């Protein structure tokens, strides 16, 4: 990890398990105190290539409000031609982080939020991972005009038409066949 006090940057190079911020000093400050961080991580696992963005932490009562705007590069498969593609997703998030031993809070309330552990470490990795997968398109495409594959022989129709005969089942489907 590299810290630059003029413009804090967390440079993470292994897995998202290292997307952790020590918030001990912020927890000792009054409500309204804030810190800004730029996060950049090359993940290389769970089909997430990289994550980068800006995060703001704001002290609020017993908690810290975490908000940010992130961009991630994710390895996906085109839903038409089944070729691997890289997809960029951008998302905003806002979450509340509570100390694991916050007084007066039931365990169920603590599990609905980000947790600050006993060492005052806020781990953003799971929340960021979940936001990435919620933002990924349901049917990713390599291009908007992807022709897909032939359902009969499996030939990539983006390269050239296949030699399979057209198998129109009925006249009502004839307009859908190329």
C-alpha atoms as a PDB file:
ATOM      1  CA  UNK A   1       0.000   0.000   0.000  1.00  0.00           C
ATOM      2  CA  UNK A   2       1.164   3.486  -0.852  1.00  0.00           C
ATOM      3  CA  UNK A   3      -0.101   6.514   1.049  1.00  0.00           C
ATOM      4  CA  UNK A   4       0.385  10.040  -0.227  1.00  0.00           C
ATOM      5  CA  UNK A   5      -0.976  12.557   2.265  1.00  0.00           C
ATOM      6  CA  UNK A   6      -1.585  15.333  -0.288  1.00  0.00           C
ATOM      7  CA  UNK A   7      -3.760  12.996  -2.382  1.00  0.00           C
ATOM      8  CA  UNK A   8      -4.215   9.641  -0.643  1.00  0.00           C
ATOM      9  CA  UNK A   9      -4.018   6.702  -3.035  1.00  0.00           C
ATOM     10  CA  UNK A  10      -4.510   3.117  -2.041  1.00  0.00           C
ATOM     11  CA  UNK A  11      -2.620   1.028  -4.581  1.00  0.00           C
ATOM     12  CA  UNK A  12      -3.658  -2.592  -4.313  1.00  0.00           C
ATOM     13  CA  UNK A  13      -2.129  -5.228  -6.540  1.00  0.00           C
ATOM     14  CA  UNK A  14      -3.246  -8.656  -5.317  1.00  0.00           C
ATOM     15  CA  UNK A  15      -6.869  -9.395  -4.511  1.00  0.00           C
ATOM     16  CA  UNK A  16      -9.826  -7.353  -3.366  1.00  0.00           C
ATOM     17  CA  UNK A  17      -9.260  -8.731   0.121  1.00  0.00           C
ATOM     18  CA  UNK A  18      -6.708  -5.953   0.469  1.00  0.00           C
ATOM     19  CA  UNK A  19      -9.155  -3.098  -0.172  1.00  0.00           C
ATOM     20  CA  UNK A  20      -8.913  -2.086   3.458  1.00  0.00           C
ATOM     21  CA  UNK A  21      -8.697   1.365   5.057  1.00  0.00           C
ATOM     22  CA  UNK A  22      -7.617   2.116   8.627  1.00  0.00           C
ATOM     23  CA  UNK A  23     -10.256   4.489  10.034  1.00  0.00           C
ATOM     24  CA  UNK A  24      -8.974   4.746  13.639  1.00  0.00           C
ATOM     25  CA  UNK A  25      -8.147   8.446  13.364  1.00  0.00           C
ATOM     26  CA  UNK A  26     -11.464   9.277  11.670  1.00  0.00           C
ATOM     27  CA  UNK A  27     -13.387   7.477  14.442  1.00  0.00           C
ATOM     28  CA  UNK A  28     -11.732   9.776  17.008  1.00  0.00           C
ATOM     29  CA  UNK A  29     -12.814  12.935  15.187  1.00  0.00           C
ATOM     30  CA  UNK A  30     -16.163  14.738  15.555  1.00  0.00           C
ATOM     31  CA  UNK A  31     -19.176  14.149  13.304  1.00  0.00           C
ATOM     32  CA  UNK A  32     -18.723  15.704   9.879  1.00  0.00           C
ATOM     33  CA  UNK A  33     -14.990  14.988   9.616  1.00  0.00           C
ATOM     34  CA  UNK A  34     -14.097  13.388   6.309  1.00  0.00           C
ATOM     35  CA  UNK A  35     -11.330  11.699   4.322  1.00  0.00           C
ATOM     36  CA  UNK A  36     -11.069  11.175   0.561  1.00  0.00           C
ATOM     37  CA  UNK A  37      -9.218   8.319  -1.103  1.00  0.00           C
ATOM     38  CA  UNK A  38      -8.491   7.226  -4.635  1.00  0.00           C
ATOM     39  CA  UNK A  39      -8.598   3.464  -4.980  1.00  0.00           C
ATOM     40  CA  UNK A  40      -6.935   1.507  -7.746  1.00  0.00           C
ATOM     41  CA  UNK A  41      -6.615  -2.236  -7.758  1.00  0.00           C
ATOM     42  CA  UNK A  42      -5.647  -4.877 -10.291  1.00  0.00           C
ATOM     43  CA  UNK A  43      -7.664  -7.843  -9.099  1.00  0.00           C
ATOM     44  CA  UNK A  44      -7.292 -10.650 -11.621  1.00  0.00           C
ATOM     45  CA  UNK A  45      -9.709 -13.008  -9.851  1.00  0.00           C
ATOM     46  CA  UNK A  46     -13.455 -13.627  -9.750  1.00  0.00           C
ATOM     47  CA  UNK A  47     -13.434 -12.370 -13.399  1.00  0.00           C
ATOM     48  CA  UNK A  48     -12.799  -8.809 -12.176  1.00  0.00           C
ATOM     49  CA  UNK A  49      -9.730  -7.357 -13.907  1.00  0.00           C
ATOM     50  CA  UNK A  50      -9.425  -3.992 -12.198  1.00  0.00           C
ATOM     51  CA  UNK A  51     -11.274  -1.545  -9.977  1.00  0.00           C
ATOM     52  CA  UNK A  52     -10.622   2.173  -9.637  1.00  0.00           C
ATOM     53  CA  UNK A  53     -12.435   5.185  -8.307  1.00  0.00           C
ATOM     54  CA  UNK A  54     -12.813   7.697  -5.518  1.00  0.00           C
ATOM     55  CA  UNK A  55     -14.204   7.095  -2.036  1.00  0.00           C
ATOM     56  CA  UNK A  56     -15.219   9.632   0.609  1.00  0.00           C
ATOM     57  CA  UNK A  57     -15.534   8.618   4.280  1.00  0.00           C
ATOM     58  CA  UNK A  58     -17.603  10.912   6.529  1.00  0.00           C
ATOM     59  CA  UNK A  59     -17.816  10.506  10.305  1.00  0.00           C
ATOM     60  CA  UNK A  60     -21.439  10.372  11.456  1.00  0.00           C
ATOM     61  CA  UNK A  61     -22.376   9.551  15.063  1.00  0.00           C
ATOM     62  CA  UNK A  62     -21.297   5.947  15.747  1.00  0.00           C
ATOM     63  CA  UNK A  63     -20.792   5.261  12.053  1.00  0.00           C
ATOM     64  CA  UNK A  64     -18.861   6.258   8.965  1.00  0.00           C
ATOM     65  CA  UNK A  65     -20.753   7.001   5.753  1.00  0.00           C
ATOM     66  CA  UNK A  66     -18.855   5.564   2.769  1.00  0.00           C
ATOM     67  CA  UNK A  67     -19.709   6.937  -0.657  1.00  0.00           C
ATOM     68  CA  UNK A  68     -17.929   6.638  -3.934  1.00  0.00           C
ATOM     69  CA  UNK A  69     -17.910   6.371  -7.689  1.00  0.00           C
ATOM     70  CA  UNK A  70     -16.082   3.351  -9.088  1.00  0.00           C
ATOM     71  CA  UNK A  71     -15.255   1.851 -12.467  1.00  0.00           C
ATOM     72  CA  UNK A  72     -14.430  -1.816 -12.941  1.00  0.00           C
ATOM     73  CA  UNK A  73     -13.255  -3.922 -15.846  1.00  0.00           C
ATOM     74  CA  UNK A  74     -14.889  -7.357 -15.828  1.00  0.00           C
ATOM     75  CA  UNK A  75     -14.294 -10.454 -17.983  1.00  0.00           C
ATOM     76  CA  UNK A  76     -17.609 -11.666 -19.368  1.00  0.00           C
ATOM     77  CA  UNK A  77     -18.893 -13.826 -22.223  1.00  0.00           C
ATOM     78  CA  UNK A  78     -20.935 -12.380 -25.103  1.00  0.00           C
ATOM     79  CA  UNK A  79     -24.472 -13.717 -24.747  1.00  0.00           C
ATOM     80  CA  UNK A  80     -24.818 -14.221 -28.523  1.00  0.00           C
ATOM     81  CA  UNK A  81     -21.479 -15.509 -29.854  1.00  0.00           C
ATOM     82  CA  UNK A  82     -19.982 -16.800 -26.576  1.00  0.00           C
ATOM     83  CA  UNK A  83     -16.642 -15.013 -27.098  1.00  0.00           C
ATOM     84  CA  UNK A  84     -14.833 -13.622 -24.036  1.00  0.00           C
ATOM     85  CA  UNK A  85     -15.137  -9.840 -23.712  1.00  0.00           C
ATOM     86  CA  UNK A  86     -14.013  -7.130 -21.308  1.00  0.00           C
ATOM     87  CA  UNK A  87     -16.842  -4.969 -20.035  1.00  0.00           C
ATOM     88  CA  UNK A  88     -16.463  -1.625 -18.243  1.00  0.00           C
ATOM     89  CA  UNK A  89     -19.045  -0.947 -15.535  1.00  0.00           C
ATOM     90  CA  UNK A  90     -19.441   2.251 -13.536  1.00  0.00           C
ATOM     91  CA  UNK A  91     -21.415   2.552 -10.335  1.00  0.00           C
ATOM     92  CA  UNK A  92     -22.051   4.909  -7.425  1.00  0.00           C
ATOM     93  CA  UNK A  93     -22.491   3.582  -3.944  1.00  0.00           C
ATOM     94  CA  UNK A  94     -23.267   4.789  -0.457  1.00  0.00           C
ATOM     95  CA  UNK A  95     -23.073   2.550   2.588  1.00  0.00           C
ATOM     96  CA  UNK A  96     -22.917   2.933   6.336  1.00  0.00           C
ATOM     97  CA  UNK A  97     -19.986   1.350   8.193  1.00  0.00           C
ATOM     98  CA  UNK A  98     -20.350   0.515  11.872  1.00  0.00           C
ATOM     99  CA  UNK A  99     -17.716  -0.577  14.383  1.00  0.00           C
ATOM    100  CA  UNK A 100     -18.124  -4.298  15.094  1.00  0.00           C
ATOM    101  CA  UNK A 101     -18.616  -3.557  18.790  1.00  0.00           C
ATOM    102  CA  UNK A 102     -20.903  -0.517  18.442  1.00  0.00           C
ATOM    103  CA  UNK A 103     -22.780  -0.011  21.678  1.00  0.00           C
ATOM    104  CA  UNK A 104     -26.537  -0.379  21.713  1.00  0.00           C
ATOM    105  CA  UNK A 105     -26.832  -2.019  18.301  1.00  0.00           C
ATOM    106  CA  UNK A 106     -28.279  -5.450  17.751  1.00  0.00           C
ATOM    107  CA  UNK A 107     -26.225  -7.949  15.715  1.00  0.00           C
ATOM    108  CA  UNK A 108     -28.847  -7.899  12.925  1.00  0.00           C
ATOM    109  CA  UNK A 109     -28.335  -4.142  12.416  1.00  0.00           C
ATOM    110  CA  UNK A 110     -24.571  -4.632  12.254  1.00  0.00           C
ATOM    111  CA  UNK A 111     -24.825  -7.345   9.573  1.00  0.00           C
ATOM    112  CA  UNK A 112     -26.809  -5.059   7.261  1.00  0.00           C
ATOM    113  CA  UNK A 113     -23.900  -2.598   7.164  1.00  0.00           C
ATOM    114  CA  UNK A 114     -20.199  -2.539   6.375  1.00  0.00           C
ATOM    115  CA  UNK A 115     -18.210  -3.556   9.431  1.00  0.00           C
ATOM    116  CA  UNK A 116     -15.214  -1.812  10.970  1.00  0.00           C
ATOM    117  CA  UNK A 117     -13.274  -4.553  12.768  1.00  0.00           C
ATOM    118  CA  UNK A 118     -11.615  -4.456  16.194  1.00  0.00           C
ATOM    119  CA  UNK A 119      -8.415  -3.072  14.611  1.00  0.00           C
ATOM    120  CA  UNK A 120     -10.389  -0.155  13.110  1.00  0.00           C
ATOM    121  CA  UNK A 121     -10.056  -1.537   9.579  1.00  0.00           C
ATOM    122  CA  UNK A 122     -12.857  -0.912   7.090  1.00  0.00           C
ATOM    123  CA  UNK A 123     -12.862  -3.595   4.381  1.00  0.00           C
ATOM    124  CA  UNK A 124     -14.626  -2.403   1.217  1.00  0.00           C
ATOM    125  CA  UNK A 125     -13.837  -5.460  -0.917  1.00  0.00           C
ATOM    126  CA  UNK A 126     -17.088  -7.404  -0.503  1.00  0.00           C
ATOM    127  CA  UNK A 127     -19.318  -4.342  -0.945  1.00  0.00           C
ATOM    128  CA  UNK A 128     -17.423  -3.273  -4.084  1.00  0.00           C
ATOM    129  CA  UNK A 129     -17.549  -6.827  -5.472  1.00  0.00           C
ATOM    130  CA  UNK A 130     -21.317  -6.968  -4.932  1.00  0.00           C
ATOM    131  CA  UNK A 131     -21.861  -3.574  -6.578  1.00  0.00           C
ATOM    132  CA  UNK A 132     -19.786  -4.700  -9.578  1.00  0.00           C
ATOM    133  CA  UNK A 133     -21.892  -7.825 -10.109  1.00  0.00           C
ATOM    134  CA  UNK A 134     -25.133  -5.869  -9.649  1.00  0.00           C
ATOM    135  CA  UNK A 135     -24.012  -3.430 -12.368  1.00  0.00           C
ATOM    136  CA  UNK A 136     -22.900  -5.989 -14.968  1.00  0.00           C
ATOM    137  CA  UNK A 137     -25.376  -6.201 -17.895  1.00  0.00           C
ATOM    138  CA  UNK A 138     -27.640  -9.251 -17.824  1.00  0.00           C
ATOM    139  CA  UNK A 139     -26.889 -10.070 -21.479  1.00  0.00           C
ATOM    140  CA  UNK A 140     -23.486  -8.619 -22.353  1.00  0.00           C
ATOM    141  CA  UNK A 141     -22.656  -8.243 -26.047  1.00  0.00           C
ATOM    142  CA  UNK A 142     -19.317  -7.977 -27.846  1.00  0.00           C
ATOM    143  CA  UNK A 143     -21.015  -5.468 -30.200  1.00  0.00           C
ATOM    144  CA  UNK A 144     -24.583  -4.301 -30.701  1.00  0.00           C
ATOM    145  CA  UNK A 145     -24.739  -5.986 -34.111  1.00  0.00           C
ATOM    146  CA  UNK A 146     -23.344  -9.356 -32.987  1.00  0.00           C
ATOM    147  CA  UNK A 147     -24.873 -12.076 -35.181  1.00  0.00           C
ATOM    148  CA  UNK A 148     -24.317 -14.844 -32.651  1.00  0.00           C
ATOM    149  CA  UNK A 149     -23.792 -18.514 -33.476  1.00  0.00           C
ATOM    150  CA  UNK A 150     -25.753 -20.918 -35.647  1.00  0.00           C
ATOM    151  CA  UNK A 151     -28.082 -22.952 -33.410  1.00  0.00           C
ATOM    152  CA  UNK A 152     -27.530 -26.003 -35.615  1.00  0.00           C
ATOM    153  CA  UNK A 153     -23.761 -26.193 -36.234  1.00  0.00           C
ATOM    154  CA  UNK A 154     -22.366 -23.637 -33.761  1.00  0.00           C
ATOM    155  CA  UNK A 155     -20.577 -21.598 -36.464  1.00  0.00           C
ATOM    156  CA  UNK A 156     -19.745 -17.982 -35.548  1.00  0.00           C
ATOM    157  CA  UNK A 157     -22.076 -15.966 -37.792  1.00  0.00           C
ATOM    158  CA  UNK A 158     -19.947 -12.835 -37.275  1.00  0.00           C
ATOM    159  CA  UNK A 159     -17.255 -14.383 -39.508  1.00  0.00           C
ATOM    160  CA  UNK A 160     -19.518 -15.567 -42.369  1.00  0.00           C
ATOM    161  CA  UNK A 161     -22.918 -17.221 -42.822  1.00  0.00           C
ATOM    162  CA  UNK A 162     -22.950 -20.943 -42.230  1.00  0.00           C
ATOM    163  CA  UNK A 163     -24.047 -23.548 -44.792  1.00  0.00           C
ATOM    164  CA  UNK A 164     -26.906 -24.940 -42.699  1.00  0.00           C
ATOM    165  CA  UNK A 165     -30.321 -24.980 -44.412  1.00  0.00           C
ATOM    166  CA  UNK A 166     -32.855 -22.575 -43.009  1.00  0.00           C
ATOM    167  CA  UNK A 167     -35.285 -24.544 -40.894  1.00  0.00           C
ATOM    168  CA  UNK A 168     -38.414 -22.422 -40.767  1.00  0.00           C
ATOM    169  CA  UNK A 169     -41.011 -24.276 -38.676  1.00  0.00           C
ATOM    170  CA  UNK A 170     -44.013 -22.325 -39.887  1.00  0.00           C
ATOM    171  CA  UNK A 171     -44.983 -19.272 -41.935  1.00  0.00           C
ATOM    172  CA  UNK A 172     -45.475 -17.114 -38.850  1.00  0.00           C
ATOM    173  CA  UNK A 173     -41.710 -17.443 -38.070  1.00  0.00           C
ATOM    174  CA  UNK A 174     -40.476 -16.723 -41.603  1.00  0.00           C
ATOM    175  CA  UNK A 175     -39.927 -13.000 -40.981  1.00  0.00           C
ATOM    176  CA  UNK A 176     -37.551 -13.789 -38.105  1.00  0.00           C
ATOM    177  CA  UNK A 177     -35.202 -15.885 -40.270  1.00  0.00           C
ATOM    178  CA  UNK A 178     -32.428 -14.064 -42.079  1.00  0.00           C
END
